[in-house]
Amino acid sequence: MSPIKRISSGQVRAARGFAAWSIDELSAKSGVATNTISRFERGRVEATLETLLKLQATFEQEGIDFPDDFTVSSRRMKEKSDGSVV
């Protein structure tokens, strides 16, 4: 896993969009409760470090990175069909 970052609720929502996952799917993959994800994405609660680590690791396993405080990128989007990286 890359260094620990304080990913934002917007980044989690965007990463879920990249992965095309529902909150239920992210919950099942990460082990974070659906209610926690939903409330975090809506800005109702602050996520704990443990929650952020679980979410970050889950997205990174899918090929989604958090390169800085403002963006989300997908390594998958940069791969050619033959598996080489652009």
N, C-alpha and C. Protein backbone atom coordinates (compact mmCIF):
# COMPACT_ATOMS: atom_id res chain seq x y z
N MET A 1 0.85 -1.18 0.00
CA MET A 1 0.00 0.00 0.00
C MET A 1 0.89 1.23 0.00
N SER A 2 0.44 2.26 -0.69
CA SER A 2 1.19 3.51 -0.73
C SER A 2 1.08 4.21 0.63
N PRO A 3 1.84 5.30 0.83
CA PRO A 3 1.80 6.00 2.12
C PRO A 3 0.38 6.38 2.53
N ILE A 4 0.17 6.45 3.83
CA ILE A 4 -1.14 6.82 4.36
C ILE A 4 -1.46 8.24 3.96
N LYS A 5 -2.67 8.43 3.45
CA LYS A 5 -3.13 9.75 3.06
C LYS A 5 -4.48 10.00 3.69
N ARG A 6 -4.81 11.23 3.93
CA ARG A 6 -6.13 11.59 4.43
C ARG A 6 -7.04 11.77 3.23
N ILE A 7 -7.57 10.66 2.75
CA ILE A 7 -8.47 10.76 1.61
C ILE A 7 -9.78 11.38 2.06
N SER A 8 -10.35 12.15 1.16
CA SER A 8 -11.58 12.88 1.50
C SER A 8 -12.82 12.07 1.13
N SER A 9 -13.93 12.55 1.60
CA SER A 9 -15.21 11.90 1.27
C SER A 9 -15.46 11.97 -0.24
N GLY A 10 -15.10 13.09 -0.85
CA GLY A 10 -15.26 13.22 -2.30
C GLY A 10 -14.38 12.26 -3.07
N GLN A 11 -13.17 12.03 -2.58
CA GLN A 11 -12.28 11.07 -3.23
C GLN A 11 -12.84 9.65 -3.12
N VAL A 12 -13.41 9.32 -1.97
CA VAL A 12 -14.00 7.98 -1.81
C VAL A 12 -15.16 7.82 -2.78
N ARG A 13 -16.00 8.83 -2.87
CA ARG A 13 -17.14 8.78 -3.79
C ARG A 13 -16.65 8.66 -5.24
N ALA A 14 -15.62 9.44 -5.60
CA ALA A 14 -15.07 9.38 -6.97
C ALA A 14 -14.43 8.03 -7.25
N ALA A 15 -13.70 7.51 -6.28
CA ALA A 15 -13.05 6.20 -6.47
C ALA A 15 -14.10 5.10 -6.63
N ARG A 16 -15.18 5.21 -5.89
CA ARG A 16 -16.28 4.25 -6.05
C ARG A 16 -16.84 4.33 -7.47
N GLY A 17 -16.93 5.54 -7.99
CA GLY A 17 -17.39 5.73 -9.36
C GLY A 17 -16.45 5.10 -10.38
N PHE A 18 -15.13 5.31 -10.19
CA PHE A 18 -14.14 4.67 -11.06
C PHE A 18 -14.31 3.16 -11.06
N ALA A 19 -14.50 2.61 -9.87
CA ALA A 19 -14.62 1.16 -9.73
C ALA A 19 -16.01 0.65 -10.13
N ALA A 20 -16.96 1.55 -10.27
CA ALA A 20 -18.36 1.20 -10.57
C ALA A 20 -18.94 0.31 -9.48
N TRP A 21 -18.65 0.67 -8.23
CA TRP A 21 -19.15 -0.09 -7.08
C TRP A 21 -20.25 0.69 -6.38
N SER A 22 -21.22 -0.02 -5.88
CA SER A 22 -22.22 0.57 -4.98
C SER A 22 -21.58 0.66 -3.59
N ILE A 23 -22.25 1.35 -2.70
CA ILE A 23 -21.76 1.40 -1.31
C ILE A 23 -21.74 -0.01 -0.73
N ASP A 24 -22.74 -0.80 -1.06
CA ASP A 24 -22.78 -2.19 -0.56
C ASP A 24 -21.59 -3.00 -1.04
N GLU A 25 -21.21 -2.81 -2.31
CA GLU A 25 -20.05 -3.54 -2.85
C GLU A 25 -18.75 -3.10 -2.17
N LEU A 26 -18.59 -1.79 -1.98
CA LEU A 26 -17.39 -1.29 -1.29
C LEU A 26 -17.35 -1.83 0.13
N SER A 27 -18.48 -1.86 0.78
CA SER A 27 -18.56 -2.38 2.14
C SER A 27 -18.11 -3.84 2.19
N ALA A 28 -18.62 -4.65 1.27
CA ALA A 28 -18.27 -6.07 1.25
C ALA A 28 -16.78 -6.28 0.98
N LYS A 29 -16.21 -5.48 0.11
CA LYS A 29 -14.80 -5.63 -0.25
C LYS A 29 -13.86 -5.10 0.83
N SER A 30 -14.28 -4.04 1.53
CA SER A 30 -13.40 -3.37 2.49
C SER A 30 -13.61 -3.79 3.94
N GLY A 31 -14.79 -4.32 4.24
CA GLY A 31 -15.11 -4.64 5.62
C GLY A 31 -15.57 -3.44 6.43
N VAL A 32 -15.83 -2.32 5.75
CA VAL A 32 -16.33 -1.11 6.41
C VAL A 32 -17.86 -1.11 6.26
N ALA A 33 -18.56 -0.83 7.33
CA ALA A 33 -20.03 -0.86 7.31
C ALA A 33 -20.60 0.11 6.28
N THR A 34 -21.68 -0.30 5.63
CA THR A 34 -22.31 0.56 4.62
C THR A 34 -22.74 1.90 5.21
N ASN A 35 -23.26 1.88 6.42
CA ASN A 35 -23.70 3.11 7.07
C ASN A 35 -22.51 4.06 7.28
N THR A 36 -21.37 3.51 7.66
CA THR A 36 -20.17 4.33 7.86
C THR A 36 -19.73 4.97 6.56
N ILE A 37 -19.70 4.19 5.48
CA ILE A 37 -19.30 4.72 4.17
C ILE A 37 -20.27 5.81 3.73
N SER A 38 -21.54 5.53 3.83
CA SER A 38 -22.56 6.49 3.41
C SER A 38 -22.46 7.80 4.20
N ARG A 39 -22.34 7.68 5.50
CA ARG A 39 -22.26 8.89 6.33
C ARG A 39 -20.96 9.66 6.07
N PHE A 40 -19.85 8.95 5.83
CA PHE A 40 -18.58 9.61 5.52
C PHE A 40 -18.68 10.34 4.18
N GLU A 41 -19.21 9.66 3.16
CA GLU A 41 -19.33 10.29 1.85
C GLU A 41 -20.19 11.54 1.88
N ARG A 42 -21.20 11.56 2.72
CA ARG A 42 -22.09 12.73 2.83
C ARG A 42 -21.54 13.79 3.77
N GLY A 43 -20.39 13.53 4.39
CA GLY A 43 -19.79 14.51 5.29
C GLY A 43 -20.42 14.55 6.66
N ARG A 44 -21.15 13.51 7.02
CA ARG A 44 -21.83 13.47 8.32
C ARG A 44 -20.92 13.03 9.46
N VAL A 45 -19.86 12.27 9.11
CA VAL A 45 -18.91 11.81 10.14
C VAL A 45 -17.49 11.88 9.56
N GLU A 46 -16.53 11.98 10.44
CA GLU A 46 -15.12 11.86 10.06
C GLU A 46 -14.76 10.38 10.13
N ALA A 47 -14.02 9.92 9.16
CA ALA A 47 -13.59 8.52 9.17
C ALA A 47 -12.40 8.34 10.09
N THR A 48 -12.35 7.21 10.76
CA THR A 48 -11.18 6.89 11.59
C THR A 48 -10.02 6.50 10.69
N LEU A 49 -8.83 6.52 11.24
CA LEU A 49 -7.65 6.10 10.50
C LEU A 49 -7.82 4.66 10.02
N GLU A 50 -8.35 3.80 10.85
CA GLU A 50 -8.56 2.40 10.48
C GLU A 50 -9.49 2.31 9.26
N THR A 51 -10.55 3.07 9.26
CA THR A 51 -11.48 3.07 8.13
C THR A 51 -10.81 3.57 6.87
N LEU A 52 -10.07 4.67 6.97
CA LEU A 52 -9.38 5.22 5.81
C LEU A 52 -8.38 4.23 5.24
N LEU A 53 -7.66 3.54 6.11
CA LEU A 53 -6.69 2.54 5.65
C LEU A 53 -7.38 1.39 4.90
N LYS A 54 -8.50 0.94 5.43
CA LYS A 54 -9.25 -0.14 4.77
C LYS A 54 -9.74 0.31 3.40
N LEU A 55 -10.30 1.51 3.33
CA LEU A 55 -10.81 2.02 2.06
C LEU A 55 -9.68 2.22 1.06
N GLN A 56 -8.60 2.84 1.50
CA GLN A 56 -7.46 3.08 0.62
C GLN A 56 -6.91 1.77 0.07
N ALA A 57 -6.72 0.78 0.93
CA ALA A 57 -6.18 -0.51 0.50
C ALA A 57 -7.12 -1.19 -0.49
N THR A 58 -8.40 -1.11 -0.24
CA THR A 58 -9.39 -1.74 -1.13
C THR A 58 -9.34 -1.11 -2.51
N PHE A 59 -9.30 0.22 -2.57
CA PHE A 59 -9.24 0.89 -3.87
C PHE A 59 -7.92 0.61 -4.57
N GLU A 60 -6.82 0.61 -3.84
CA GLU A 60 -5.52 0.37 -4.46
C GLU A 60 -5.43 -1.04 -5.04
N GLN A 61 -6.07 -2.00 -4.40
CA GLN A 61 -6.11 -3.36 -4.96
C GLN A 61 -6.85 -3.38 -6.29
N GLU A 62 -7.75 -2.43 -6.49
CA GLU A 62 -8.52 -2.32 -7.73
C GLU A 62 -7.77 -1.48 -8.77
N GLY A 63 -6.63 -0.90 -8.37
CA GLY A 63 -5.83 -0.10 -9.30
C GLY A 63 -6.15 1.38 -9.26
N ILE A 64 -6.79 1.83 -8.18
CA ILE A 64 -7.16 3.23 -8.04
C ILE A 64 -6.24 3.88 -7.01
N ASP A 65 -5.60 4.98 -7.41
CA ASP A 65 -4.64 5.68 -6.56
C ASP A 65 -5.20 7.03 -6.11
N PHE A 66 -4.58 7.55 -5.07
CA PHE A 66 -4.90 8.88 -4.54
C PHE A 66 -3.60 9.68 -4.57
N PRO A 67 -3.21 10.24 -5.74
CA PRO A 67 -1.90 10.85 -5.87
C PRO A 67 -1.68 12.13 -5.08
N ASP A 68 -2.74 12.87 -4.77
CA ASP A 68 -2.59 14.07 -3.95
C ASP A 68 -3.91 14.32 -3.24
N ASP A 69 -4.03 15.44 -2.59
CA ASP A 69 -5.21 15.73 -1.78
C ASP A 69 -6.47 16.04 -2.60
N PHE A 70 -6.33 16.17 -3.89
CA PHE A 70 -7.47 16.65 -4.66
C PHE A 70 -7.97 15.71 -5.75
N THR A 71 -7.18 14.70 -6.10
CA THR A 71 -7.55 13.90 -7.26
C THR A 71 -7.57 12.41 -6.94
N VAL A 72 -8.14 11.67 -7.86
CA VAL A 72 -8.16 10.22 -7.84
C VAL A 72 -7.74 9.80 -9.24
N SER A 73 -6.88 8.81 -9.36
CA SER A 73 -6.50 8.34 -10.70
C SER A 73 -6.59 6.83 -10.74
N SER A 74 -6.68 6.33 -11.93
CA SER A 74 -6.79 4.89 -12.10
C SER A 74 -5.65 4.39 -12.96
N ARG A 75 -4.82 3.50 -12.39
CA ARG A 75 -3.75 2.88 -13.17
C ARG A 75 -4.36 2.06 -14.30
N ARG A 76 -5.52 1.46 -14.04
CA ARG A 76 -6.17 0.63 -15.05
C ARG A 76 -6.48 1.41 -16.31
N MET A 77 -6.83 2.65 -16.17
CA MET A 77 -7.17 3.46 -17.33
C MET A 77 -5.94 3.73 -18.19
N LYS A 78 -4.74 3.55 -17.65
CA LYS A 78 -3.52 3.83 -18.37
C LYS A 78 -2.90 2.57 -18.99
N GLU A 79 -3.56 1.43 -18.85
CA GLU A 79 -3.04 0.20 -19.39
C GLU A 79 -3.62 -0.05 -20.77
N LYS A 80 -2.75 -0.52 -21.68
CA LYS A 80 -3.22 -0.92 -23.01
C LYS A 80 -3.88 -2.28 -22.92
N SER A 81 -4.56 -2.66 -23.95
CA SER A 81 -5.25 -3.95 -23.95
C SER A 81 -4.29 -5.12 -23.83
N ASP A 82 -3.04 -4.96 -24.26
CA ASP A 82 -2.08 -6.06 -24.15
C ASP A 82 -1.42 -6.11 -22.77
N GLY A 83 -1.85 -5.24 -21.85
CA GLY A 83 -1.33 -5.25 -20.50
C GLY A 83 -0.16 -4.30 -20.26
N SER A 84 0.39 -3.72 -21.32
CA SER A 84 1.47 -2.77 -21.14
C SER A 84 0.91 -1.44 -20.67
N VAL A 85 1.75 -0.68 -20.03
CA VAL A 85 1.31 0.59 -19.47
C VAL A 85 1.64 1.71 -20.43
N VAL A 86 0.70 2.62 -20.63
CA VAL A 86 0.89 3.78 -21.51
C VAL A 86 1.78 4.78 -20.82
